[in-house]
Amino acid sequence: SCAASGSRFILYAMGWYRQSPGKQRELVATMTRDSSTNYADSVKGRF
């Protein structure tokens, strides 16, 4: 879970990225304020 503070406005997008040792940070999933989602192929169907 993640909560944002300090913003009086609705954030355009929120989501998750991850980083494993020795790897670059990568997208996991995001959702825009109109509920459009984007998932990494590796997590589709599981997350």
ModelCIF file with pLDDT and N, C-alpha, C, O atoms, coordinates in Angstrom:
data_MODEL
#
_entry.id   MODEL 
#
_entity.id                         1 
_entity.type                       polymer 
_entity.pdbx_number_of_molecules   1 
#
_entity_poly.entity_id                      1 
_entity_poly.type                           'polypeptide(L)' 
_entity_poly.nstd_linkage                   no 
_entity_poly.nstd_monomer                   no 
_entity_poly.pdbx_seq_one_letter_code       SCAASGSRFILYAMGWYRQSPGKQRELVATMTRDSSTNYADSVKGRF 
_entity_poly.pdbx_seq_one_letter_code_can   SCAASGSRFILYAMGWYRQSPGKQRELVATMTRDSSTNYADSVKGRF 
_entity_poly.pdbx_strand_id                 A 
#
loop_
_entity_poly_seq.entity_id 
_entity_poly_seq.num 
_entity_poly_seq.mon_id 
_entity_poly_seq.hetero 
1 1  SER n 
1 2  CYS n 
1 3  ALA n 
1 4  ALA n 
1 5  SER n 
1 6  GLY n 
1 7  SER n 
1 8  ARG n 
1 9  PHE n 
1 10 ILE n 
1 11 LEU n 
1 12 TYR n 
1 13 ALA n 
1 14 MET n 
1 15 GLY n 
1 16 TRP n 
1 17 TYR n 
1 18 ARG n 
1 19 GLN n 
1 20 SER n 
1 21 PRO n 
1 22 GLY n 
1 23 LYS n 
1 24 GLN n 
1 25 ARG n 
1 26 GLU n 
1 27 LEU n 
1 28 VAL n 
1 29 ALA n 
1 30 THR n 
1 31 MET n 
1 32 THR n 
1 33 ARG n 
1 34 ASP n 
1 35 SER n 
1 36 SER n 
1 37 THR n 
1 38 ASN n 
1 39 TYR n 
1 40 ALA n 
1 41 ASP n 
1 42 SER n 
1 43 VAL n 
1 44 LYS n 
1 45 GLY n 
1 46 ARG n 
1 47 PHE n 
#
_struct_asym.id          A 
_struct_asym.entity_id   1 
#
loop_
_ma_qa_metric.id 
_ma_qa_metric.mode 
_ma_qa_metric.name 
_ma_qa_metric.software_group_id 
_ma_qa_metric.type 
1 global pLDDT . pLDDT 
2 local  pLDDT . pLDDT 
#
_ma_qa_metric_global.metric_id      1 
_ma_qa_metric_global.metric_value   94.36 
_ma_qa_metric_global.model_id       1 
_ma_qa_metric_global.ordinal_id     1 
#
loop_
_ma_qa_metric_local.label_asym_id 
_ma_qa_metric_local.label_comp_id 
_ma_qa_metric_local.label_seq_id 
_ma_qa_metric_local.metric_id 
_ma_qa_metric_local.metric_value 
_ma_qa_metric_local.model_id 
_ma_qa_metric_local.ordinal_id 
A SER 1  2 98.00 1 1  
A CYS 2  2 97.00 1 2  
A ALA 3  2 96.00 1 3  
A ALA 4  2 94.00 1 4  
A SER 5  2 89.00 1 5  
A GLY 6  2 85.00 1 6  
A SER 7  2 80.00 1 7  
A ARG 8  2 80.00 1 8  
A PHE 9  2 84.00 1 9  
A ILE 10 2 83.00 1 10 
A LEU 11 2 86.00 1 11 
A TYR 12 2 89.00 1 12 
A ALA 13 2 95.00 1 13 
A MET 14 2 96.00 1 14 
A GLY 15 2 98.00 1 15 
A TRP 16 2 98.00 1 16 
A TYR 17 2 98.00 1 17 
A ARG 18 2 98.00 1 18 
A GLN 19 2 98.00 1 19 
A SER 20 2 96.00 1 20 
A PRO 21 2 90.00 1 21 
A GLY 22 2 92.00 1 22 
A LYS 23 2 95.00 1 23 
A GLN 24 2 97.00 1 24 
A ARG 25 2 97.00 1 25 
A GLU 26 2 98.00 1 26 
A LEU 27 2 98.00 1 27 
A VAL 28 2 98.00 1 28 
A ALA 29 2 98.00 1 29 
A THR 30 2 97.00 1 30 
A MET 31 2 96.00 1 31 
A THR 32 2 94.00 1 32 
A ARG 33 2 91.00 1 33 
A ASP 34 2 92.00 1 34 
A SER 35 2 93.00 1 35 
A SER 36 2 96.00 1 36 
A THR 37 2 97.00 1 37 
A ASN 38 2 98.00 1 38 
A TYR 39 2 98.00 1 39 
A ALA 40 2 98.00 1 40 
A ASP 41 2 98.00 1 41 
A SER 42 2 97.00 1 42 
A VAL 43 2 98.00 1 43 
A LYS 44 2 98.00 1 44 
A GLY 45 2 97.00 1 45 
A ARG 46 2 98.00 1 46 
A PHE 47 2 98.00 1 47 
#
loop_
_atom_site.group_PDB 
_atom_site.id 
_atom_site.type_symbol 
_atom_site.label_atom_id 
_atom_site.label_alt_id 
_atom_site.label_comp_id 
_atom_site.label_asym_id 
_atom_site.label_entity_id 
_atom_site.label_seq_id 
_atom_site.pdbx_PDB_ins_code 
_atom_site.Cartn_x 
_atom_site.Cartn_y 
_atom_site.Cartn_z 
_atom_site.occupancy 
_atom_site.B_iso_or_equiv 
_atom_site.pdbx_formal_charge 
_atom_site.auth_seq_id 
_atom_site.auth_comp_id 
_atom_site.auth_asym_id 
_atom_site.auth_atom_id 
_atom_site.pdbx_PDB_model_num 
ATOM 1   N N  . SER A 1 1  ? 0.839  -1.193  0.000   1.00 98.00 ? 1  SER A N  1 
ATOM 2   C CA . SER A 1 1  ? 0.000  0.000   0.000   1.00 98.00 ? 1  SER A CA 1 
ATOM 3   C C  . SER A 1 1  ? 0.874  1.243   0.000   1.00 98.00 ? 1  SER A C  1 
ATOM 4   O O  . SER A 1 1  ? 2.005  1.232   0.487   1.00 98.00 ? 1  SER A O  1 
ATOM 5   N N  . CYS A 1 2  ? 0.327  2.306   -0.554  1.00 97.00 ? 2  CYS A N  1 
ATOM 6   C CA . CYS A 1 2  ? 1.061  3.570   -0.614  1.00 97.00 ? 2  CYS A CA 1 
ATOM 7   C C  . CYS A 1 2  ? 0.068  4.708   -0.460  1.00 97.00 ? 2  CYS A C  1 
ATOM 8   O O  . CYS A 1 2  ? -0.997 4.715   -1.076  1.00 97.00 ? 2  CYS A O  1 
ATOM 9   N N  . ALA A 1 3  ? 0.437  5.664   0.370   1.00 96.00 ? 3  ALA A N  1 
ATOM 10  C CA . ALA A 1 3  ? -0.387 6.846   0.566   1.00 96.00 ? 3  ALA A CA 1 
ATOM 11  C C  . ALA A 1 3  ? 0.431  8.091   0.266   1.00 96.00 ? 3  ALA A C  1 
ATOM 12  O O  . ALA A 1 3  ? 1.582  8.213   0.686   1.00 96.00 ? 3  ALA A O  1 
ATOM 13  N N  . ALA A 1 4  ? -0.175 9.001   -0.460  1.00 94.00 ? 4  ALA A N  1 
ATOM 14  C CA . ALA A 1 4  ? 0.484  10.258  -0.794  1.00 94.00 ? 4  ALA A CA 1 
ATOM 15  C C  . ALA A 1 4  ? -0.013 11.362  0.127   1.00 94.00 ? 4  ALA A C  1 
ATOM 16  O O  . ALA A 1 4  ? -1.206 11.466  0.409   1.00 94.00 ? 4  ALA A O  1 
ATOM 17  N N  . SER A 1 5  ? 0.909  12.173  0.585   1.00 89.00 ? 5  SER A N  1 
ATOM 18  C CA . SER A 1 5  ? 0.535  13.334  1.390   1.00 89.00 ? 5  SER A CA 1 
ATOM 19  C C  . SER A 1 5  ? 1.181  14.564  0.789   1.00 89.00 ? 5  SER A C  1 
ATOM 20  O O  . SER A 1 5  ? 2.159  14.473  0.046   1.00 89.00 ? 5  SER A O  1 
ATOM 21  N N  . GLY A 1 6  ? 0.617  15.723  1.124   1.00 85.00 ? 6  GLY A N  1 
ATOM 22  C CA . GLY A 1 6  ? 1.196  16.970  0.661   1.00 85.00 ? 6  GLY A CA 1 
ATOM 23  C C  . GLY A 1 6  ? 0.641  17.479  -0.653  1.00 85.00 ? 6  GLY A C  1 
ATOM 24  O O  . GLY A 1 6  ? 1.078  18.516  -1.152  1.00 85.00 ? 6  GLY A O  1 
ATOM 25  N N  . SER A 1 7  ? -0.330 16.752  -1.226  1.00 80.00 ? 7  SER A N  1 
ATOM 26  C CA . SER A 1 7  ? -0.910 17.213  -2.479  1.00 80.00 ? 7  SER A CA 1 
ATOM 27  C C  . SER A 1 7  ? -2.374 17.553  -2.275  1.00 80.00 ? 7  SER A C  1 
ATOM 28  O O  . SER A 1 7  ? -3.140 16.756  -1.734  1.00 80.00 ? 7  SER A O  1 
ATOM 29  N N  . ARG A 1 8  ? -2.753 18.741  -2.710  1.00 80.00 ? 8  ARG A N  1 
ATOM 30  C CA . ARG A 1 8  ? -4.164 19.124  -2.642  1.00 80.00 ? 8  ARG A CA 1 
ATOM 31  C C  . ARG A 1 8  ? -4.908 18.662  -3.882  1.00 80.00 ? 8  ARG A C  1 
ATOM 32  O O  . ARG A 1 8  ? -6.128 18.803  -3.969  1.00 80.00 ? 8  ARG A O  1 
ATOM 33  N N  . PHE A 1 9  ? -4.173 18.107  -4.845  1.00 84.00 ? 9  PHE A N  1 
ATOM 34  C CA . PHE A 1 9  ? -4.758 17.743  -6.127  1.00 84.00 ? 9  PHE A CA 1 
ATOM 35  C C  . PHE A 1 9  ? -4.694 16.233  -6.339  1.00 84.00 ? 9  PHE A C  1 
ATOM 36  O O  . PHE A 1 9  ? -3.890 15.529  -5.727  1.00 84.00 ? 9  PHE A O  1 
ATOM 37  N N  . ILE A 1 10 ? -5.557 15.766  -7.217  1.00 83.00 ? 10 ILE A N  1 
ATOM 38  C CA . ILE A 1 10 ? -5.517 14.357  -7.568  1.00 83.00 ? 10 ILE A CA 1 
ATOM 39  C C  . ILE A 1 10 ? -4.296 14.114  -8.451  1.00 83.00 ? 10 ILE A C  1 
ATOM 40  O O  . ILE A 1 10 ? -4.111 14.768  -9.478  1.00 83.00 ? 10 ILE A O  1 
ATOM 41  N N  . LEU A 1 11 ? -3.487 13.180  -8.039  1.00 86.00 ? 11 LEU A N  1 
ATOM 42  C CA . LEU A 1 11 ? -2.299 12.848  -8.815  1.00 86.00 ? 11 LEU A CA 1 
ATOM 43  C C  . LEU A 1 11 ? -2.695 12.163  -10.114 1.00 86.00 ? 11 LEU A C  1 
ATOM 44  O O  . LEU A 1 11 ? -3.590 11.317  -10.120 1.00 86.00 ? 11 LEU A O  1 
ATOM 45  N N  . TYR A 1 12 ? -2.039 12.516  -11.214 1.00 89.00 ? 12 TYR A N  1 
ATOM 46  C CA . TYR A 1 12 ? -2.412 11.980  -12.515 1.00 89.00 ? 12 TYR A CA 1 
ATOM 47  C C  . TYR A 1 12 ? -2.257 10.466  -12.541 1.00 89.00 ? 12 TYR A C  1 
ATOM 48  O O  . TYR A 1 12 ? -3.157 9.756   -12.990 1.00 89.00 ? 12 TYR A O  1 
ATOM 49  N N  . ALA A 1 13 ? -1.143 9.981   -12.072 1.00 95.00 ? 13 ALA A N  1 
ATOM 50  C CA . ALA A 1 13 ? -0.893 8.538   -12.078 1.00 95.00 ? 13 ALA A CA 1 
ATOM 51  C C  . ALA A 1 13 ? -0.222 8.126   -10.775 1.00 95.00 ? 13 ALA A C  1 
ATOM 52  O O  . ALA A 1 13 ? 0.547  8.883   -10.183 1.00 95.00 ? 13 ALA A O  1 
ATOM 53  N N  . MET A 1 14 ? -0.528 6.925   -10.350 1.00 96.00 ? 14 MET A N  1 
ATOM 54  C CA . MET A 1 14 ? 0.158  6.311   -9.220  1.00 96.00 ? 14 MET A CA 1 
ATOM 55  C C  . MET A 1 14 ? 0.448  4.867   -9.581  1.00 96.00 ? 14 MET A C  1 
ATOM 56  O O  . MET A 1 14 ? -0.230 4.264   -10.413 1.00 96.00 ? 14 MET A O  1 
ATOM 57  N N  . GLY A 1 15 ? 1.476  4.325   -8.934  1.00 98.00 ? 15 GLY A N  1 
ATOM 58  C CA . GLY A 1 15 ? 1.782  2.941   -9.238  1.00 98.00 ? 15 GLY A CA 1 
ATOM 59  C C  . GLY A 1 15 ? 3.016  2.443   -8.532  1.00 98.00 ? 15 GLY A C  1 
ATOM 60  O O  . GLY A 1 15 ? 3.421  2.972   -7.497  1.00 98.00 ? 15 GLY A O  1 
ATOM 61  N N  . TRP A 1 16 ? 3.614  1.404   -9.116  1.00 98.00 ? 16 TRP A N  1 
ATOM 62  C CA . TRP A 1 16 ? 4.739  0.715   -8.494  1.00 98.00 ? 16 TRP A CA 1 
ATOM 63  C C  . TRP A 1 16 ? 5.813  0.377   -9.515  1.00 98.00 ? 16 TRP A C  1 
ATOM 64  O O  . TRP A 1 16 ? 5.534  -0.040  -10.640 1.00 98.00 ? 16 TRP A O  1 
ATOM 65  N N  . TYR A 1 17 ? 7.035  0.570   -9.084  1.00 98.00 ? 17 TYR A N  1 
ATOM 66  C CA . TYR A 1 17 ? 8.210  0.107   -9.792  1.00 98.00 ? 17 TYR A CA 1 
ATOM 67  C C  . TYR A 1 17 ? 9.004  -0.783  -8.834  1.00 98.00 ? 17 TYR A C  1 
ATOM 68  O O  . TYR A 1 17 ? 8.763  -0.768  -7.627  1.00 98.00 ? 17 TYR A O  1 
ATOM 69  N N  . ARG A 1 18 ? 9.935  -1.548  -9.365  1.00 98.00 ? 18 ARG A N  1 
ATOM 70  C CA . ARG A 1 18 ? 10.786 -2.366  -8.506  1.00 98.00 ? 18 ARG A CA 1 
ATOM 71  C C  . ARG A 1 18 ? 12.205 -2.410  -9.031  1.00 98.00 ? 18 ARG A C  1 
ATOM 72  O O  . ARG A 1 18 ? 12.469 -2.174  -10.210 1.00 98.00 ? 18 ARG A O  1 
ATOM 73  N N  . GLN A 1 19 ? 13.115 -2.720  -8.111  1.00 98.00 ? 19 GLN A N  1 
ATOM 74  C CA . GLN A 1 19 ? 14.525 -2.816  -8.488  1.00 98.00 ? 19 GLN A CA 1 
ATOM 75  C C  . GLN A 1 19 ? 15.171 -3.963  -7.734  1.00 98.00 ? 19 GLN A C  1 
ATOM 76  O O  . GLN A 1 19 ? 15.142 -4.019  -6.504  1.00 98.00 ? 19 GLN A O  1 
ATOM 77  N N  . SER A 1 20 ? 15.756 -4.880  -8.501  1.00 96.00 ? 20 SER A N  1 
ATOM 78  C CA . SER A 1 20 ? 16.490 -6.002  -7.934  1.00 96.00 ? 20 SER A CA 1 
ATOM 79  C C  . SER A 1 20 ? 17.970 -5.670  -7.950  1.00 96.00 ? 20 SER A C  1 
ATOM 80  O O  . SER A 1 20 ? 18.399 -4.824  -8.733  1.00 96.00 ? 20 SER A O  1 
ATOM 81  N N  . PRO A 1 21 ? 18.766 -6.320  -7.100  1.00 90.00 ? 21 PRO A N  1 
ATOM 82  C CA . PRO A 1 21 ? 20.207 -6.048  -7.080  1.00 90.00 ? 21 PRO A CA 1 
ATOM 83  C C  . PRO A 1 21 ? 20.831 -6.236  -8.462  1.00 90.00 ? 21 PRO A C  1 
ATOM 84  O O  . PRO A 1 21 ? 20.626 -7.261  -9.112  1.00 90.00 ? 21 PRO A O  1 
ATOM 85  N N  . GLY A 1 22 ? 21.579 -5.252  -8.892  1.00 92.00 ? 22 GLY A N  1 
ATOM 86  C CA . GLY A 1 22 ? 22.277 -5.327  -10.161 1.00 92.00 ? 22 GLY A CA 1 
ATOM 87  C C  . GLY A 1 22 ? 21.417 -5.036  -11.381 1.00 92.00 ? 22 GLY A C  1 
ATOM 88  O O  . GLY A 1 22 ? 21.892 -5.124  -12.514 1.00 92.00 ? 22 GLY A O  1 
ATOM 89  N N  . LYS A 1 23 ? 20.163 -4.691  -11.156 1.00 95.00 ? 23 LYS A N  1 
ATOM 90  C CA . LYS A 1 23 ? 19.264 -4.417  -12.274 1.00 95.00 ? 23 LYS A CA 1 
ATOM 91  C C  . LYS A 1 23 ? 18.731 -2.992  -12.194 1.00 95.00 ? 23 LYS A C  1 
ATOM 92  O O  . LYS A 1 23 ? 18.779 -2.346  -11.148 1.00 95.00 ? 23 LYS A O  1 
ATOM 93  N N  . GLN A 1 24 ? 18.228 -2.526  -13.319 1.00 97.00 ? 24 GLN A N  1 
ATOM 94  C CA . GLN A 1 24 ? 17.620 -1.211  -13.361 1.00 97.00 ? 24 GLN A CA 1 
ATOM 95  C C  . GLN A 1 24 ? 16.210 -1.254  -12.777 1.00 97.00 ? 24 GLN A C  1 
ATOM 96  O O  . GLN A 1 24 ? 15.559 -2.298  -12.753 1.00 97.00 ? 24 GLN A O  1 
ATOM 97  N N  . ARG A 1 25 ? 15.761 -0.104  -12.314 1.00 97.00 ? 25 ARG A N  1 
ATOM 98  C CA . ARG A 1 25 ? 14.395 -0.013  -11.821 1.00 97.00 ? 25 ARG A CA 1 
ATOM 99  C C  . ARG A 1 25 ? 13.443 -0.246  -12.994 1.00 97.00 ? 25 ARG A C  1 
ATOM 100 O O  . ARG A 1 25 ? 13.644 0.291   -14.083 1.00 97.00 ? 25 ARG A O  1 
ATOM 101 N N  . GLU A 1 26 ? 12.408 -1.048  -12.760 1.00 98.00 ? 26 GLU A N  1 
ATOM 102 C CA . GLU A 1 26 ? 11.476 -1.387  -13.829 1.00 98.00 ? 26 GLU A CA 1 
ATOM 103 C C  . GLU A 1 26 ? 10.035 -1.188  -13.388 1.00 98.00 ? 26 GLU A C  1 
ATOM 104 O O  . GLU A 1 26 ? 9.701  -1.257  -12.205 1.00 98.00 ? 26 GLU A O  1 
ATOM 105 N N  . LEU A 1 27 ? 9.200  -0.939  -14.379 1.00 98.00 ? 27 LEU A N  1 
ATOM 106 C CA . LEU A 1 27 ? 7.770  -0.785  -14.139 1.00 98.00 ? 27 LEU A CA 1 
ATOM 107 C C  . LEU A 1 27 ? 7.176  -2.098  -13.646 1.00 98.00 ? 27 LEU A C  1 
ATOM 108 O O  . LEU A 1 27 ? 7.504  -3.175  -14.146 1.00 98.00 ? 27 LEU A O  1 
ATOM 109 N N  . VAL A 1 28 ? 6.289  -1.985  -12.648 1.00 98.00 ? 28 VAL A N  1 
ATOM 110 C CA . VAL A 1 28 ? 5.466  -3.128  -12.245 1.00 98.00 ? 28 VAL A CA 1 
ATOM 111 C C  . VAL A 1 28 ? 4.039  -2.885  -12.722 1.00 98.00 ? 28 VAL A C  1 
ATOM 112 O O  . VAL A 1 28 ? 3.499  -3.662  -13.510 1.00 98.00 ? 28 VAL A O  1 
ATOM 113 N N  . ALA A 1 29 ? 3.432  -1.805  -12.242 1.00 98.00 ? 29 ALA A N  1 
ATOM 114 C CA . ALA A 1 29 ? 2.075  -1.471  -12.639 1.00 98.00 ? 29 ALA A CA 1 
ATOM 115 C C  . ALA A 1 29 ? 1.789  -0.026  -12.304 1.00 98.00 ? 29 ALA A C  1 
ATOM 116 O O  . ALA A 1 29 ? 2.277  0.498   -11.302 1.00 98.00 ? 29 ALA A O  1 
ATOM 117 N N  . THR A 1 30 ? 0.997  0.620   -13.144 1.00 97.00 ? 30 THR A N  1 
ATOM 118 C CA . THR A 1 30 ? 0.555  1.981   -12.871 1.00 97.00 ? 30 THR A CA 1 
ATOM 119 C C  . THR A 1 30 ? -0.919 2.109   -13.215 1.00 97.00 ? 30 THR A C  1 
ATOM 120 O O  . THR A 1 30 ? -1.468 1.325   -13.988 1.00 97.00 ? 30 THR A O  1 
ATOM 121 N N  . MET A 1 31 ? -1.549 3.121   -12.619 1.00 96.00 ? 31 MET A N  1 
ATOM 122 C CA . MET A 1 31 ? -2.943 3.408   -12.897 1.00 96.00 ? 31 MET A CA 1 
ATOM 123 C C  . MET A 1 31 ? -3.119 4.916   -12.943 1.00 96.00 ? 31 MET A C  1 
ATOM 124 O O  . MET A 1 31 ? -2.665 5.629   -12.048 1.00 96.00 ? 31 MET A O  1 
ATOM 125 N N  . THR A 1 32 ? -3.778 5.397   -13.983 1.00 94.00 ? 32 THR A N  1 
ATOM 126 C CA . THR A 1 32 ? -4.050 6.824   -14.083 1.00 94.00 ? 32 THR A CA 1 
ATOM 127 C C  . THR A 1 32 ? -5.311 7.172   -13.296 1.00 94.00 ? 32 THR A C  1 
ATOM 128 O O  . THR A 1 32 ? -6.012 6.290   -12.799 1.00 94.00 ? 32 THR A O  1 
ATOM 129 N N  . ARG A 1 33 ? -5.581 8.448   -13.195 1.00 91.00 ? 33 ARG A N  1 
ATOM 130 C CA . ARG A 1 33 ? -6.750 8.874   -12.415 1.00 91.00 ? 33 ARG A CA 1 
ATOM 131 C C  . ARG A 1 33 ? -8.061 8.494   -13.089 1.00 91.00 ? 33 ARG A C  1 
ATOM 132 O O  . ARG A 1 33 ? -9.109 8.506   -12.444 1.00 91.00 ? 33 ARG A O  1 
ATOM 133 N N  . ASP A 1 34 ? -8.020 8.154   -14.385 1.00 92.00 ? 34 ASP A N  1 
ATOM 134 C CA . ASP A 1 34 ? -9.227 7.666   -15.049 1.00 92.00 ? 34 ASP A CA 1 
ATOM 135 C C  . ASP A 1 34 ? -9.228 6.151   -15.146 1.00 92.00 ? 34 ASP A C  1 
ATOM 136 O O  . ASP A 1 34 ? -9.951 5.571   -15.957 1.00 92.00 ? 34 ASP A O  1 
ATOM 137 N N  . SER A 1 35 ? -8.410 5.510   -14.309 1.00 93.00 ? 35 SER A N  1 
ATOM 138 C CA . SER A 1 35 ? -8.385 4.052   -14.134 1.00 93.00 ? 35 SER A CA 1 
ATOM 139 C C  . SER A 1 35 ? -7.759 3.270   -15.275 1.00 93.00 ? 35 SER A C  1 
ATOM 140 O O  . SER A 1 35 ? -7.956 2.059   -15.366 1.00 93.00 ? 35 SER A O  1 
ATOM 141 N N  . SER A 1 36 ? -7.025 3.918   -16.127 1.00 96.00 ? 36 SER A N  1 
ATOM 142 C CA . SER A 1 36 ? -6.279 3.197   -17.145 1.00 96.00 ? 36 SER A CA 1 
ATOM 143 C C  . SER A 1 36 ? -5.048 2.559   -16.492 1.00 96.00 ? 36 SER A C  1 
ATOM 144 O O  . SER A 1 36 ? -4.312 3.215   -15.756 1.00 96.00 ? 36 SER A O  1 
ATOM 145 N N  . THR A 1 37 ? -4.839 1.267   -16.776 1.00 97.00 ? 37 THR A N  1 
ATOM 146 C CA . THR A 1 37 ? -3.745 0.545   -16.137 1.00 97.00 ? 37 THR A CA 1 
ATOM 147 C C  . THR A 1 37 ? -2.677 0.122   -17.139 1.00 97.00 ? 37 THR A C  1 
ATOM 148 O O  . THR A 1 37 ? -2.927 -0.003  -18.337 1.00 97.00 ? 37 THR A O  1 
ATOM 149 N N  . ASN A 1 38 ? -1.485 -0.090  -16.607 1.00 98.00 ? 38 ASN A N  1 
ATOM 150 C CA . ASN A 1 38 ? -0.368 -0.578  -17.398 1.00 98.00 ? 38 ASN A CA 1 
ATOM 151 C C  . ASN A 1 38 ? 0.410  -1.541  -16.511 1.00 98.00 ? 38 ASN A C  1 
ATOM 152 O O  . ASN A 1 38 ? 0.830  -1.178  -15.412 1.00 98.00 ? 38 ASN A O  1 
ATOM 153 N N  . TYR A 1 39 ? 0.601  -2.770  -16.988 1.00 98.00 ? 39 TYR A N  1 
ATOM 154 C CA . TYR A 1 39 ? 1.301  -3.798  -16.223 1.00 98.00 ? 39 TYR A CA 1 
ATOM 155 C C  . TYR A 1 39 ? 2.527  -4.289  -16.989 1.00 98.00 ? 39 TYR A C  1 
ATOM 156 O O  . TYR A 1 39 ? 2.529  -4.345  -18.218 1.00 98.00 ? 39 TYR A O  1 
ATOM 157 N N  . ALA A 1 40 ? 3.554  -4.639  -16.245 1.00 98.00 ? 40 ALA A N  1 
ATOM 158 C CA . ALA A 1 40 ? 4.667  -5.343  -16.856 1.00 98.00 ? 40 ALA A CA 1 
ATOM 159 C C  . ALA A 1 40 ? 4.196  -6.735  -17.274 1.00 98.00 ? 40 ALA A C  1 
ATOM 160 O O  . ALA A 1 40 ? 3.384  -7.346  -16.580 1.00 98.00 ? 40 ALA A O  1 
ATOM 161 N N  . ASP A 1 41 ? 4.692  -7.232  -18.386 1.00 98.00 ? 41 ASP A N  1 
ATOM 162 C CA . ASP A 1 41 ? 4.285  -8.557  -18.864 1.00 98.00 ? 41 ASP A CA 1 
ATOM 163 C C  . ASP A 1 41 ? 4.551  -9.630  -17.811 1.00 98.00 ? 41 ASP A C  1 
ATOM 164 O O  . ASP A 1 41 ? 3.795  -10.595 -17.699 1.00 98.00 ? 41 ASP A O  1 
ATOM 165 N N  . SER A 1 42 ? 5.611  -9.464  -17.052 1.00 97.00 ? 42 SER A N  1 
ATOM 166 C CA . SER A 1 42 ? 6.011  -10.487 -16.095 1.00 97.00 ? 42 SER A CA 1 
ATOM 167 C C  . SER A 1 42 ? 5.056  -10.624 -14.916 1.00 97.00 ? 42 SER A C  1 
ATOM 168 O O  . SER A 1 42 ? 5.116  -11.616 -14.190 1.00 97.00 ? 42 SER A O  1 
ATOM 169 N N  . VAL A 1 43 ? 4.176  -9.645  -14.712 1.00 98.00 ? 43 VAL A N  1 
ATOM 170 C CA . VAL A 1 43 ? 3.267  -9.709  -13.559 1.00 98.00 ? 43 VAL A CA 1 
ATOM 171 C C  . VAL A 1 43 ? 1.803  -9.820  -13.974 1.00 98.00 ? 43 VAL A C  1 
ATOM 172 O O  . VAL A 1 43 ? 0.935  -9.988  -13.118 1.00 98.00 ? 43 VAL A O  1 
ATOM 173 N N  . LYS A 1 44 ? 1.517  -9.730  -15.259 1.00 98.00 ? 44 LYS A N  1 
ATOM 174 C CA . LYS A 1 44 ? 0.132  -9.801  -15.728 1.00 98.00 ? 44 LYS A CA 1 
ATOM 175 C C  . LYS A 1 44 ? -0.504 -11.121 -15.292 1.00 98.00 ? 44 LYS A C  1 
ATOM 176 O O  . LYS A 1 44 ? 0.081  -12.194 -15.438 1.00 98.00 ? 44 LYS A O  1 
ATOM 177 N N  . GLY A 1 45 ? -1.719 -11.010 -14.753 1.00 97.00 ? 45 GLY A N  1 
ATOM 178 C CA . GLY A 1 45 ? -2.420 -12.193 -14.293 1.00 97.00 ? 45 GLY A CA 1 
ATOM 179 C C  . GLY A 1 45 ? -2.089 -12.593 -12.864 1.00 97.00 ? 45 GLY A C  1 
ATOM 180 O O  . GLY A 1 45 ? -2.773 -13.432 -12.277 1.00 97.00 ? 45 GLY A O  1 
ATOM 181 N N  . ARG A 1 46 ? -1.055 -12.001 -12.308 1.00 98.00 ? 46 ARG A N  1 
ATOM 182 C CA . ARG A 1 46 ? -0.674 -12.321 -10.919 1.00 98.00 ? 46 ARG A CA 1 
ATOM 183 C C  . ARG A 1 46 ? -0.825 -11.120 -9.981  1.00 98.00 ? 46 ARG A C  1 
ATOM 184 O O  . ARG A 1 46 ? -1.195 -11.277 -8.818  1.00 98.00 ? 46 ARG A O  1 
ATOM 185 N N  . PHE A 1 47 ? -0.538 -9.929  -10.492 1.00 98.00 ? 47 PHE A N  1 
ATOM 186 C CA . PHE A 1 47 ? -0.613 -8.717  -9.682  1.00 98.00 ? 47 PHE A CA 1 
ATOM 187 C C  . PHE A 1 47 ? -1.809 -7.883  -10.115 1.00 98.00 ? 47 PHE A C  1 
ATOM 188 O O  . PHE A 1 47 ? -2.051 -6.815  -9.553  1.00 98.00 ? 47 PHE A O  1 
#
